[in-house]
Amino acid sequence: MTTSATETTTSGTRGRAPMLEFRGVEKIFRNGYHAITPLDLTVRTGEIVSIVGPSGCGKTTVLRMAAGLTEVSRGTLTRHATEQAYVFQDPTLLAWRNVRSNVELVAKLKKMPKQQRRSAARQAIETVGLTDFASALPRQLSGGMKMRVSLARAITSAPKIMYFDEPFAALDEFTRAHMSEVLLDLWRLQDFSALFITHSIAEAVNIAHRVVVMAAHPGRVEQVLTSPSPPTADPAAPRDRDALAEMEREIAGMLAGTH
């Protein structure tokens, strides 16, 4: 990994303040396994950074360190945000709570006043397009709808940075592509920063301003690529699909040679 590749940002995020900074960050487990070798990466305000790589390369470990769920062994990790949210692959909905109640849960645990959290939940449910299903139970929802509930719950506290751990991996290809667009719509509305883990190269390229390509044994960053046609605040703005397809092929070639 070169420093220039790591620090290059897109025109839409260049000059924005850092939201998350890794400086020489490493993760070594108690059994001595060196999961992550020195990592340098900056996620800027309003920037989406996706991470792709083979199983065992440490993608989720990087995400968990970023979110404070796993301790850093060496180096410095700085978060410039107090409000953050984590979205898992499993929507983790409580079966006995309806959509509205599930969405309110995180805000309730954070002791947000009742009226405020209900208003925030109502707005979040509307934002993800589930107003007509606010009273439905999880068993009455499709996989994509459950994930929308998970996203709605995550944004009720207006996080400045969001962490996504393969949130759409269990969905069919069509629903997965649609959920990527839902995520970008949420980003346009709330302007949060995001670190997004995925095994899908196409998904990583579509949603991100930059893509981190990792290799395994030990977990390390091979390259950080800047999108030739990143998402913008304007959902109607055209994107260069040929350039994005070329980026996909480049990343696929890199991953074919990693181990």
C-alpha atoms as a PDB file:
ATOM      1  CA  MET A   1       0.000   0.000   0.000  1.00  0.00           C
ATOM      2  CA  THR A   2       1.324   3.420  -0.885  1.00  0.00           C
ATOM      3  CA  THR A   3       0.687   6.514   1.176  1.00  0.00           C
ATOM      4  CA  SER A   4      -0.482   8.428  -1.883  1.00  0.00           C
ATOM      5  CA  ALA A   5      -3.076   5.773  -2.668  1.00  0.00           C
ATOM      6  CA  THR A   6      -4.309   5.785   0.907  1.00  0.00           C
ATOM      7  CA  GLU A   7      -4.756   9.516   1.210  1.00  0.00           C
ATOM      8  CA  THR A   8      -6.203  10.249  -2.235  1.00  0.00           C
ATOM      9  CA  THR A   9      -9.795  11.448  -1.961  1.00  0.00           C
ATOM     10  CA  THR A  10     -12.489  12.207  -4.485  1.00  0.00           C
ATOM     11  CA  SER A  11     -13.360  15.748  -5.482  1.00  0.00           C
ATOM     12  CA  GLY A  12     -16.593  15.482  -3.490  1.00  0.00           C
ATOM     13  CA  THR A  13     -14.787  14.787  -0.200  1.00  0.00           C
ATOM     14  CA  ARG A  14     -11.400  16.433  -0.742  1.00  0.00           C
ATOM     15  CA  GLY A  15     -10.794  19.111   1.861  1.00  0.00           C
ATOM     16  CA  ARG A  16     -13.403  17.744   4.254  1.00  0.00           C
ATOM     17  CA  ALA A  17     -12.358  17.089   7.836  1.00  0.00           C
ATOM     18  CA  PRO A  18     -11.379  13.531   8.843  1.00  0.00           C
ATOM     19  CA  MET A  19     -14.090  11.520  10.563  1.00  0.00           C
ATOM     20  CA  LEU A  20     -12.031   8.387  11.224  1.00  0.00           C
ATOM     21  CA  GLU A  21      -8.238   8.003  11.184  1.00  0.00           C
ATOM     22  CA  PHE A  22      -6.106   4.849  11.330  1.00  0.00           C
ATOM     23  CA  ARG A  23      -2.387   5.461  11.867  1.00  0.00           C
ATOM     24  CA  GLY A  24      -0.186   2.383  11.974  1.00  0.00           C
ATOM     25  CA  VAL A  25      -3.063   0.356  13.418  1.00  0.00           C
ATOM     26  CA  GLU A  26      -2.423  -3.343  14.026  1.00  0.00           C
ATOM     27  CA  LYS A  27      -4.396  -6.187  15.576  1.00  0.00           C
ATOM     28  CA  ILE A  28      -2.643  -9.092  17.265  1.00  0.00           C
ATOM     29  CA  PHE A  29      -4.814 -11.619  19.087  1.00  0.00           C
ATOM     30  CA  ARG A  30      -3.867 -13.254  22.384  1.00  0.00           C
ATOM     31  CA  ASN A  31      -2.807 -16.442  20.631  1.00  0.00           C
ATOM     32  CA  GLY A  32      -0.222 -14.408  18.730  1.00  0.00           C
ATOM     33  CA  TYR A  33      -2.106 -14.334  15.419  1.00  0.00           C
ATOM     34  CA  HIS A  34      -1.260 -11.127  13.544  1.00  0.00           C
ATOM     35  CA  ALA A  35      -4.675 -10.335  12.063  1.00  0.00           C
ATOM     36  CA  ILE A  36      -3.939  -6.822  10.750  1.00  0.00           C
ATOM     37  CA  THR A  37      -0.541  -5.420   9.790  1.00  0.00           C
ATOM     38  CA  PRO A  38       0.056  -1.627  10.024  1.00  0.00           C
ATOM     39  CA  LEU A  39      -2.941   0.153   8.516  1.00  0.00           C
ATOM     40  CA  ASP A  40      -3.109   3.818   7.537  1.00  0.00           C
ATOM     41  CA  LEU A  41      -6.467   5.101   6.339  1.00  0.00           C
ATOM     42  CA  THR A  42      -8.590   8.234   6.657  1.00  0.00           C
ATOM     43  CA  VAL A  43     -12.374   8.293   6.205  1.00  0.00           C
ATOM     44  CA  ARG A  44     -13.488  11.870   5.675  1.00  0.00           C
ATOM     45  CA  THR A  45     -16.746  13.591   6.534  1.00  0.00           C
ATOM     46  CA  GLY A  46     -19.475  12.463   4.157  1.00  0.00           C
ATOM     47  CA  GLU A  47     -17.276   9.824   2.516  1.00  0.00           C
ATOM     48  CA  ILE A  48     -18.202   6.178   1.930  1.00  0.00           C
ATOM     49  CA  VAL A  49     -15.241   3.800   1.992  1.00  0.00           C
ATOM     50  CA  SER A  50     -15.836   0.141   1.165  1.00  0.00           C
ATOM     51  CA  ILE A  51     -13.504  -2.743   1.981  1.00  0.00           C
ATOM     52  CA  VAL A  52     -13.267  -5.919  -0.112  1.00  0.00           C
ATOM     53  CA  GLY A  53     -11.007  -8.936   0.171  1.00  0.00           C
ATOM     54  CA  PRO A  54     -10.922 -12.713   0.619  1.00  0.00           C
ATOM     55  CA  SER A  55     -12.251 -14.451   3.722  1.00  0.00           C
ATOM     56  CA  GLY A  56      -9.779 -14.215   6.567  1.00  0.00           C
ATOM     57  CA  CYS A  57      -8.175 -10.955   5.453  1.00  0.00           C
ATOM     58  CA  GLY A  58      -9.469  -9.039   8.472  1.00  0.00           C
ATOM     59  CA  LYS A  59     -12.220  -6.876   6.952  1.00  0.00           C
ATOM     60  CA  THR A  60     -14.556  -7.295   9.890  1.00  0.00           C
ATOM     61  CA  THR A  61     -11.695  -6.893  12.363  1.00  0.00           C
ATOM     62  CA  VAL A  62     -10.926  -3.487  10.840  1.00  0.00           C
ATOM     63  CA  LEU A  63     -14.608  -2.553  11.102  1.00  0.00           C
ATOM     64  CA  ARG A  64     -14.864  -3.698  14.721  1.00  0.00           C
ATOM     65  CA  MET A  65     -11.749  -1.732  15.670  1.00  0.00           C
ATOM     66  CA  ALA A  66     -13.181   1.341  13.951  1.00  0.00           C
ATOM     67  CA  ALA A  67     -16.405   1.015  15.936  1.00  0.00           C
ATOM     68  CA  GLY A  68     -14.630   0.377  19.230  1.00  0.00           C
ATOM     69  CA  LEU A  69     -15.887  -3.210  19.513  1.00  0.00           C
ATOM     70  CA  THR A  70     -12.347  -4.633  19.327  1.00  0.00           C
ATOM     71  CA  GLU A  71      -9.249  -3.098  20.871  1.00  0.00           C
ATOM     72  CA  VAL A  72      -6.362  -1.847  18.751  1.00  0.00           C
ATOM     73  CA  SER A  73      -3.105  -3.673  19.533  1.00  0.00           C
ATOM     74  CA  ARG A  74      -0.741  -1.051  18.141  1.00  0.00           C
ATOM     75  CA  GLY A  75      -1.014   2.315  16.477  1.00  0.00           C
ATOM     76  CA  THR A  76      -3.574   5.075  16.841  1.00  0.00           C
ATOM     77  CA  LEU A  77      -7.230   5.116  15.864  1.00  0.00           C
ATOM     78  CA  THR A  78      -9.064   8.429  16.169  1.00  0.00           C
ATOM     79  CA  ARG A  79     -12.828   8.907  15.827  1.00  0.00           C
ATOM     80  CA  HIS A  80     -14.081  12.450  15.347  1.00  0.00           C
ATOM     81  CA  ALA A  81     -17.712  11.587  16.088  1.00  0.00           C
ATOM     82  CA  THR A  82     -19.733  10.834  19.190  1.00  0.00           C
ATOM     83  CA  GLU A  83     -22.763   9.416  17.389  1.00  0.00           C
ATOM     84  CA  GLN A  84     -22.124   6.245  15.421  1.00  0.00           C
ATOM     85  CA  ALA A  85     -24.171   3.252  14.296  1.00  0.00           C
ATOM     86  CA  TYR A  86     -23.375  -0.363  13.384  1.00  0.00           C
ATOM     87  CA  VAL A  87     -25.448  -2.361  10.904  1.00  0.00           C
ATOM     88  CA  PHE A  88     -24.964  -6.127  10.917  1.00  0.00           C
ATOM     89  CA  GLN A  89     -25.628  -8.737   8.234  1.00  0.00           C
ATOM     90  CA  ASP A  90     -28.527 -10.017  10.331  1.00  0.00           C
ATOM     91  CA  PRO A  91     -31.181  -7.314  10.873  1.00  0.00           C
ATOM     92  CA  THR A  92     -31.375  -8.459  14.539  1.00  0.00           C
ATOM     93  CA  LEU A  93     -35.028  -7.501  14.954  1.00  0.00           C
ATOM     94  CA  LEU A  94     -36.989  -8.503  18.041  1.00  0.00           C
ATOM     95  CA  ALA A  95     -39.744 -10.841  16.850  1.00  0.00           C
ATOM     96  CA  TRP A  96     -42.334  -9.612  19.342  1.00  0.00           C
ATOM     97  CA  ARG A  97     -41.868  -5.918  18.519  1.00  0.00           C
ATOM     98  CA  ASN A  98     -43.462  -4.292  15.485  1.00  0.00           C
ATOM     99  CA  VAL A  99     -41.518  -2.153  13.027  1.00  0.00           C
ATOM    100  CA  ARG A 100     -42.104   1.074  14.947  1.00  0.00           C
ATOM    101  CA  SER A 101     -41.041  -0.466  18.247  1.00  0.00           C
ATOM    102  CA  ASN A 102     -37.924  -2.064  16.725  1.00  0.00           C
ATOM    103  CA  VAL A 103     -36.873   1.226  15.167  1.00  0.00           C
ATOM    104  CA  GLU A 104     -37.330   3.053  18.475  1.00  0.00           C
ATOM    105  CA  LEU A 105     -35.249   0.532  20.419  1.00  0.00           C
ATOM    106  CA  VAL A 106     -31.761   2.033  20.064  1.00  0.00           C
ATOM    107  CA  ALA A 107     -33.032   5.532  20.821  1.00  0.00           C
ATOM    108  CA  LYS A 108     -34.840   4.148  23.870  1.00  0.00           C
ATOM    109  CA  LEU A 109     -31.661   2.452  25.124  1.00  0.00           C
ATOM    110  CA  LYS A 110     -29.864   5.790  24.709  1.00  0.00           C
ATOM    111  CA  LYS A 111     -32.584   7.320  26.912  1.00  0.00           C
ATOM    112  CA  MET A 112     -33.866   9.669  24.228  1.00  0.00           C
ATOM    113  CA  PRO A 113     -37.084  11.347  25.461  1.00  0.00           C
ATOM    114  CA  LYS A 114     -40.208   9.434  24.427  1.00  0.00           C
ATOM    115  CA  GLN A 115     -41.698  12.043  22.112  1.00  0.00           C
ATOM    116  CA  GLN A 116     -38.350  12.759  20.499  1.00  0.00           C
ATOM    117  CA  ARG A 117     -37.603   9.092  19.790  1.00  0.00           C
ATOM    118  CA  ARG A 118     -41.094   8.505  18.420  1.00  0.00           C
ATOM    119  CA  SER A 119     -40.698  11.450  16.088  1.00  0.00           C
ATOM    120  CA  ALA A 120     -37.238  10.251  15.034  1.00  0.00           C
ATOM    121  CA  ALA A 121     -38.551   6.717  14.448  1.00  0.00           C
ATOM    122  CA  ARG A 122     -41.505   7.960  12.426  1.00  0.00           C
ATOM    123  CA  GLN A 123     -39.232  10.036  10.219  1.00  0.00           C
ATOM    124  CA  ALA A 124     -36.737   7.173   9.795  1.00  0.00           C
ATOM    125  CA  ILE A 125     -39.487   4.711   8.854  1.00  0.00           C
ATOM    126  CA  GLU A 126     -40.795   7.164   6.288  1.00  0.00           C
ATOM    127  CA  THR A 127     -37.276   7.693   4.940  1.00  0.00           C
ATOM    128  CA  VAL A 128     -36.797   3.965   4.218  1.00  0.00           C
ATOM    129  CA  GLY A 129     -40.285   3.671   2.700  1.00  0.00           C
ATOM    130  CA  LEU A 130     -41.997   1.538   5.347  1.00  0.00           C
ATOM    131  CA  THR A 131     -44.690   3.909   6.642  1.00  0.00           C
ATOM    132  CA  ASP A 132     -47.446   1.477   5.647  1.00  0.00           C
ATOM    133  CA  PHE A 133     -45.727  -1.316   7.596  1.00  0.00           C
ATOM    134  CA  ALA A 134     -45.041   0.514  10.864  1.00  0.00           C
ATOM    135  CA  SER A 135     -47.336  -1.854  12.778  1.00  0.00           C
ATOM    136  CA  ALA A 136     -46.145  -5.049  11.095  1.00  0.00           C
ATOM    137  CA  LEU A 137     -44.155  -7.726  12.930  1.00  0.00           C
ATOM    138  CA  PRO A 138     -40.816  -8.974  11.544  1.00  0.00           C
ATOM    139  CA  ARG A 139     -42.337 -12.295  10.416  1.00  0.00           C
ATOM    140  CA  GLN A 140     -44.612 -10.328   8.072  1.00  0.00           C
ATOM    141  CA  LEU A 141     -41.692  -8.669   6.275  1.00  0.00           C
ATOM    142  CA  SER A 142     -39.444  -9.736   3.398  1.00  0.00           C
ATOM    143  CA  GLY A 143     -35.674  -9.883   3.806  1.00  0.00           C
ATOM    144  CA  GLY A 144     -35.208  -6.517   2.139  1.00  0.00           C
ATOM    145  CA  MET A 145     -37.886  -4.927   4.317  1.00  0.00           C
ATOM    146  CA  LYS A 146     -36.247  -6.284   7.481  1.00  0.00           C
ATOM    147  CA  MET A 147     -32.980  -4.705   6.416  1.00  0.00           C
ATOM    148  CA  ARG A 148     -34.788  -1.400   5.827  1.00  0.00           C
ATOM    149  CA  VAL A 149     -36.005  -1.603   9.434  1.00  0.00           C
ATOM    150  CA  SER A 150     -32.410  -2.164  10.552  1.00  0.00           C
ATOM    151  CA  LEU A 151     -31.281   0.895   8.580  1.00  0.00           C
ATOM    152  CA  ALA A 152     -34.129   2.988   9.982  1.00  0.00           C
ATOM    153  CA  ARG A 153     -33.199   1.978  13.522  1.00  0.00           C
ATOM    154  CA  ALA A 154     -29.563   2.920  12.876  1.00  0.00           C
ATOM    155  CA  ILE A 155     -30.328   6.452  11.663  1.00  0.00           C
ATOM    156  CA  THR A 156     -32.719   7.459  14.481  1.00  0.00           C
ATOM    157  CA  SER A 157     -29.816   8.907  16.481  1.00  0.00           C
ATOM    158  CA  ALA A 158     -28.486  10.821  13.425  1.00  0.00           C
ATOM    159  CA  PRO A 159     -25.058   9.119  13.423  1.00  0.00           C
ATOM    160  CA  LYS A 160     -22.113  10.944  11.932  1.00  0.00           C
ATOM    161  CA  ILE A 161     -20.442   7.689  10.952  1.00  0.00           C
ATOM    162  CA  MET A 162     -21.953   4.298  10.155  1.00  0.00           C
ATOM    163  CA  TYR A 163     -20.346   0.859  10.029  1.00  0.00           C
ATOM    164  CA  PHE A 164     -21.795  -1.805   7.733  1.00  0.00           C
ATOM    165  CA  ASP A 165     -20.779  -5.462   8.121  1.00  0.00           C
ATOM    166  CA  GLU A 166     -21.985  -7.111   4.891  1.00  0.00           C
ATOM    167  CA  PRO A 167     -25.559  -5.925   5.537  1.00  0.00           C
ATOM    168  CA  PHE A 168     -26.994  -7.131   2.218  1.00  0.00           C
ATOM    169  CA  ALA A 169     -25.122 -10.438   1.858  1.00  0.00           C
ATOM    170  CA  ALA A 170     -28.156 -12.615   2.619  1.00  0.00           C
ATOM    171  CA  LEU A 171     -30.414 -10.901   0.073  1.00  0.00           C
ATOM    172  CA  ASP A 172     -31.070 -11.977  -3.505  1.00  0.00           C
ATOM    173  CA  GLU A 173     -29.184 -10.121  -6.227  1.00  0.00           C
ATOM    174  CA  PHE A 174     -32.086  -7.855  -7.256  1.00  0.00           C
ATOM    175  CA  THR A 175     -32.955  -6.872  -3.665  1.00  0.00           C
ATOM    176  CA  ARG A 176     -29.292  -6.387  -2.850  1.00  0.00           C
ATOM    177  CA  ALA A 177     -28.836  -3.919  -5.708  1.00  0.00           C
ATOM    178  CA  HIS A 178     -31.974  -2.055  -4.646  1.00  0.00           C
ATOM    179  CA  MET A 179     -30.796  -1.844  -1.031  1.00  0.00           C
ATOM    180  CA  SER A 180     -27.532  -0.299  -2.199  1.00  0.00           C
ATOM    181  CA  GLU A 181     -29.576   2.508  -3.749  1.00  0.00           C
ATOM    182  CA  VAL A 182     -31.630   2.852  -0.539  1.00  0.00           C
ATOM    183  CA  LEU A 183     -28.364   3.224   1.362  1.00  0.00           C
ATOM    184  CA  LEU A 184     -27.146   5.928  -1.019  1.00  0.00           C
ATOM    185  CA  ASP A 185     -30.456   7.775  -0.639  1.00  0.00           C
ATOM    186  CA  LEU A 186     -29.996   7.723   3.152  1.00  0.00           C
ATOM    187  CA  TRP A 187     -26.447   9.001   2.745  1.00  0.00           C
ATOM    188  CA  ARG A 188     -27.689  11.886   0.574  1.00  0.00           C
ATOM    189  CA  LEU A 189     -30.249  12.847   3.196  1.00  0.00           C
ATOM    190  CA  GLN A 190     -28.011  12.573   6.259  1.00  0.00           C
ATOM    191  CA  ASP A 191     -24.483  13.091   4.871  1.00  0.00           C
ATOM    192  CA  PHE A 192     -22.902  10.532   7.218  1.00  0.00           C
ATOM    193  CA  SER A 193     -19.518   8.914   6.718  1.00  0.00           C
ATOM    194  CA  ALA A 194     -19.457   5.150   6.237  1.00  0.00           C
ATOM    195  CA  LEU A 195     -17.138   2.162   6.358  1.00  0.00           C
ATOM    196  CA  PHE A 196     -18.754  -0.672   4.398  1.00  0.00           C
ATOM    197  CA  ILE A 197     -17.584  -4.316   4.375  1.00  0.00           C
ATOM    198  CA  THR A 198     -18.624  -6.560   1.485  1.00  0.00           C
ATOM    199  CA  HIS A 199     -17.570  -9.594  -0.537  1.00  0.00           C
ATOM    200  CA  SER A 200     -19.272  -8.134  -3.608  1.00  0.00           C
ATOM    201  CA  ILE A 201     -16.922  -6.119  -5.812  1.00  0.00           C
ATOM    202  CA  ALA A 202     -19.847  -4.629  -7.759  1.00  0.00           C
ATOM    203  CA  GLU A 203     -21.523  -3.495  -4.544  1.00  0.00           C
ATOM    204  CA  ALA A 204     -18.292  -1.997  -3.208  1.00  0.00           C
ATOM    205  CA  VAL A 205     -17.685  -0.046  -6.420  1.00  0.00           C
ATOM    206  CA  ASN A 206     -21.278   1.181  -6.729  1.00  0.00           C
ATOM    207  CA  ILE A 207     -21.621   2.711  -3.271  1.00  0.00           C
ATOM    208  CA  ALA A 208     -18.132   3.974  -2.470  1.00  0.00           C
ATOM    209  CA  HIS A 209     -15.985   7.007  -3.047  1.00  0.00           C
ATOM    210  CA  ARG A 210     -12.954   4.797  -2.405  1.00  0.00           C
ATOM    211  CA  VAL A 211     -12.454   1.040  -2.267  1.00  0.00           C
ATOM    212  CA  VAL A 212      -9.888  -0.613   0.018  1.00  0.00           C
ATOM    213  CA  VAL A 213      -8.608  -3.924  -1.367  1.00  0.00           C
ATOM    214  CA  MET A 214      -7.256  -6.266   1.309  1.00  0.00           C
ATOM    215  CA  ALA A 215      -5.223  -9.474   1.202  1.00  0.00           C
ATOM    216  CA  ALA A 216      -4.932 -12.231   3.807  1.00  0.00           C
ATOM    217  CA  HIS A 217      -2.268 -14.023   5.866  1.00  0.00           C
ATOM    218  CA  PRO A 218      -1.522 -11.578   7.309  1.00  0.00           C
ATOM    219  CA  GLY A 219      -4.408  -9.163   6.832  1.00  0.00           C
ATOM    220  CA  ARG A 220      -3.099  -6.170   4.957  1.00  0.00           C
ATOM    221  CA  VAL A 221      -4.141  -3.414   2.575  1.00  0.00           C
ATOM    222  CA  GLU A 222      -3.009  -4.066  -0.985  1.00  0.00           C
ATOM    223  CA  GLN A 223      -4.384  -0.911  -2.551  1.00  0.00           C
ATOM    224  CA  VAL A 224      -6.859   1.936  -2.060  1.00  0.00           C
ATOM    225  CA  LEU A 225      -8.663   2.909  -5.253  1.00  0.00           C
ATOM    226  CA  THR A 226     -10.527   6.146  -5.849  1.00  0.00           C
ATOM    227  CA  SER A 227     -13.803   5.821  -7.723  1.00  0.00           C
ATOM    228  CA  PRO A 228     -13.737   7.268 -11.254  1.00  0.00           C
ATOM    229  CA  SER A 229     -17.432   8.085 -10.906  1.00  0.00           C
ATOM    230  CA  PRO A 230     -18.468   8.268  -7.233  1.00  0.00           C
ATOM    231  CA  PRO A 231     -21.961   8.790  -5.850  1.00  0.00           C
ATOM    232  CA  THR A 232     -22.904  12.439  -5.446  1.00  0.00           C
ATOM    233  CA  ALA A 233     -25.526  14.436  -3.578  1.00  0.00           C
ATOM    234  CA  ASP A 234     -27.637  14.524  -6.740  1.00  0.00           C
ATOM    235  CA  PRO A 235     -29.353  11.137  -7.279  1.00  0.00           C
ATOM    236  CA  ALA A 236     -30.088  12.065 -10.898  1.00  0.00           C
ATOM    237  CA  ALA A 237     -26.455  12.831 -11.721  1.00  0.00           C
ATOM    238  CA  PRO A 238     -25.171  10.433 -14.422  1.00  0.00           C
ATOM    239  CA  ARG A 239     -22.413   8.004 -13.501  1.00  0.00           C
ATOM    240  CA  ASP A 240     -19.837   6.549 -15.852  1.00  0.00           C
ATOM    241  CA  ARG A 241     -20.832   2.878 -15.792  1.00  0.00           C
ATOM    242  CA  ASP A 242     -18.062   1.877 -18.197  1.00  0.00           C
ATOM    243  CA  ALA A 243     -15.447   3.375 -15.874  1.00  0.00           C
ATOM    244  CA  LEU A 244     -17.019   1.668 -12.862  1.00  0.00           C
ATOM    245  CA  ALA A 245     -17.056  -1.661 -14.718  1.00  0.00           C
ATOM    246  CA  GLU A 246     -13.367  -1.208 -15.493  1.00  0.00           C
ATOM    247  CA  MET A 247     -12.715  -0.565 -11.797  1.00  0.00           C
ATOM    248  CA  GLU A 248     -14.546  -3.811 -10.965  1.00  0.00           C
ATOM    249  CA  ARG A 249     -12.308  -5.723 -13.372  1.00  0.00           C
ATOM    250  CA  GLU A 250      -9.196  -4.124 -11.896  1.00  0.00           C
ATOM    251  CA  ILE A 251     -10.199  -5.111  -8.370  1.00  0.00           C
ATOM    252  CA  ALA A 252     -11.129  -8.636  -9.481  1.00  0.00           C
ATOM    253  CA  GLY A 253      -7.646  -8.966 -10.962  1.00  0.00           C
ATOM    254  CA  MET A 254      -6.072  -7.822  -7.724  1.00  0.00           C
ATOM    255  CA  LEU A 255      -8.098 -10.248  -5.636  1.00  0.00           C
ATOM    256  CA  ALA A 256      -7.266 -13.129  -7.973  1.00  0.00           C
ATOM    257  CA  GLY A 257      -3.649 -12.671  -6.955  1.00  0.00           C
ATOM    258  CA  THR A 258      -4.172 -12.216  -3.208  1.00  0.00           C
ATOM    259  CA  HIS A 259      -4.006 -14.982  -0.621  1.00  0.00           C
END
